[in-house]
């Protein structure tokens, strides 16, 4: 959280001890076919976890998710809006930590 706060000043963090009740209720309403599909092609979310959100003044935002344990094995970041305006923040994060940004293939 400290490294993210240094690179993304003003990032707000939220702690999730367990899966939200609304997510559990939504899964209970899913068809068996969708549940099977998610079993094979989805991914599990580890709890407890932290979620962080950063928004800059140029129309860009980033949402972070990571396990609430030490050491943190990985961080998932999803950028929204004008993502080019976030390059300097990611460069600062890389300079401080050596963490590389890996973009998913679609």
Protein backbone atom coordinates (compact mmCIF):
# COMPACT_ATOMS: atom_id res chain seq x y z
CA UNK A 1 0.00 0.00 0.00
CA UNK A 2 2.90 2.33 0.73
CA UNK A 3 4.46 1.82 -2.72
CA UNK A 4 1.13 2.35 -4.45
CA UNK A 5 0.48 5.48 -2.37
CA UNK A 6 3.88 6.89 -3.34
CA UNK A 7 3.32 6.30 -7.05
CA UNK A 8 -0.38 7.17 -7.05
CA UNK A 9 -0.84 10.01 -4.50
CA UNK A 10 -4.31 10.03 -3.03
CA UNK A 11 -5.13 6.38 -3.76
CA UNK A 12 -7.96 5.19 -1.50
CA UNK A 13 -7.88 1.65 -0.07
CA UNK A 14 -10.69 -0.59 1.10
CA UNK A 15 -10.31 -3.85 3.05
CA UNK A 16 -12.53 -6.84 2.19
CA UNK A 17 -12.37 -9.61 4.79
CA UNK A 18 -14.64 -11.95 2.84
CA UNK A 19 -16.69 -12.15 -0.31
CA UNK A 20 -19.48 -9.55 -0.26
CA UNK A 21 -22.95 -11.00 0.49
CA UNK A 22 -24.30 -9.59 -2.80
CA UNK A 23 -21.73 -11.63 -4.77
CA UNK A 24 -22.67 -14.80 -2.87
CA UNK A 25 -26.36 -14.13 -3.56
CA UNK A 26 -25.69 -13.47 -7.25
CA UNK A 27 -23.80 -16.74 -7.62
CA UNK A 28 -26.72 -18.59 -6.02
CA UNK A 29 -28.99 -17.21 -8.77
CA UNK A 30 -26.72 -18.33 -11.64
CA UNK A 31 -27.67 -21.24 -13.84
CA UNK A 32 -25.72 -24.46 -13.44
CA UNK A 33 -24.29 -23.97 -16.96
CA UNK A 34 -22.87 -20.56 -16.02
CA UNK A 35 -21.42 -21.94 -12.78
CA UNK A 36 -19.68 -24.73 -14.69
CA UNK A 37 -18.34 -22.24 -17.24
CA UNK A 38 -16.99 -20.03 -14.43
CA UNK A 39 -15.44 -23.06 -12.73
CA UNK A 40 -13.35 -23.79 -15.83
CA UNK A 41 -12.76 -20.32 -17.27
CA UNK A 42 -13.16 -17.95 -14.33
CA UNK A 43 -10.74 -17.30 -11.50
CA UNK A 44 -11.03 -17.36 -7.74
CA UNK A 45 -10.73 -14.18 -5.77
CA UNK A 46 -8.60 -14.56 -2.66
CA UNK A 47 -9.89 -13.10 0.60
CA UNK A 48 -9.02 -11.21 2.66
CA UNK A 49 -7.93 -8.65 0.10
CA UNK A 50 -7.50 -4.95 -0.43
CA UNK A 51 -8.92 -2.80 -3.15
CA UNK A 52 -7.50 0.58 -4.06
CA UNK A 53 -8.82 3.25 -6.37
CA UNK A 54 -6.93 6.17 -7.85
CA UNK A 55 -8.30 8.92 -10.07
CA UNK A 56 -6.25 11.72 -11.56
CA UNK A 57 -7.41 15.10 -12.82
CA UNK A 58 -6.85 14.17 -16.47
CA UNK A 59 -9.67 11.66 -16.81
CA UNK A 60 -7.74 8.52 -15.90
CA UNK A 61 -8.35 6.06 -13.11
CA UNK A 62 -6.87 2.81 -11.83
CA UNK A 63 -8.41 0.12 -9.67
CA UNK A 64 -6.01 -2.15 -7.74
CA UNK A 65 -6.74 -5.54 -6.14
CA UNK A 66 -4.32 -7.57 -4.04
CA UNK A 67 -4.29 -10.10 -1.23
CA UNK A 68 -4.04 -8.74 2.28
CA UNK A 69 -0.98 -10.76 3.30
CA UNK A 70 2.77 -10.34 3.25
CA UNK A 71 4.50 -10.56 0.93
CA UNK A 72 1.89 -9.57 -1.63
CA UNK A 73 2.22 -12.17 -4.44
CA UNK A 74 0.73 -9.98 -7.17
CA UNK A 75 -1.34 -6.90 -7.82
CA UNK A 76 -4.08 -6.64 -10.40
CA UNK A 77 -4.56 -3.18 -11.88
CA UNK A 78 -7.33 -2.12 -14.24
CA UNK A 79 -7.08 1.30 -15.88
CA UNK A 80 -10.06 3.35 -17.02
CA UNK A 81 -10.55 6.47 -19.09
CA UNK A 82 -7.55 8.34 -20.42
CA UNK A 83 -4.95 5.76 -19.52
CA UNK A 84 -2.04 7.55 -21.24
CA UNK A 85 -2.24 10.15 -18.48
CA UNK A 86 -1.32 7.40 -15.97
CA UNK A 87 2.02 6.49 -17.58
CA UNK A 88 4.05 8.71 -15.21
CA UNK A 89 2.43 7.05 -12.19
CA UNK A 90 3.25 3.57 -13.47
CA UNK A 91 6.80 4.72 -14.28
CA UNK A 92 7.22 5.91 -10.66
CA UNK A 93 5.88 2.59 -9.39
CA UNK A 94 8.31 0.66 -11.60
CA UNK A 95 11.26 2.85 -10.53
CA UNK A 96 10.46 2.28 -6.84
CA UNK A 97 9.64 -1.43 -6.97
CA UNK A 98 10.76 -2.98 -10.24
CA UNK A 99 7.19 -4.22 -10.76
CA UNK A 100 6.44 -4.65 -14.42
CA UNK A 101 3.07 -4.01 -15.95
CA UNK A 102 1.67 -7.07 -17.70
CA UNK A 103 -1.30 -6.47 -19.96
CA UNK A 104 -3.72 -9.34 -20.54
CA UNK A 105 -4.21 -10.71 -24.02
CA UNK A 106 -7.76 -10.53 -25.29
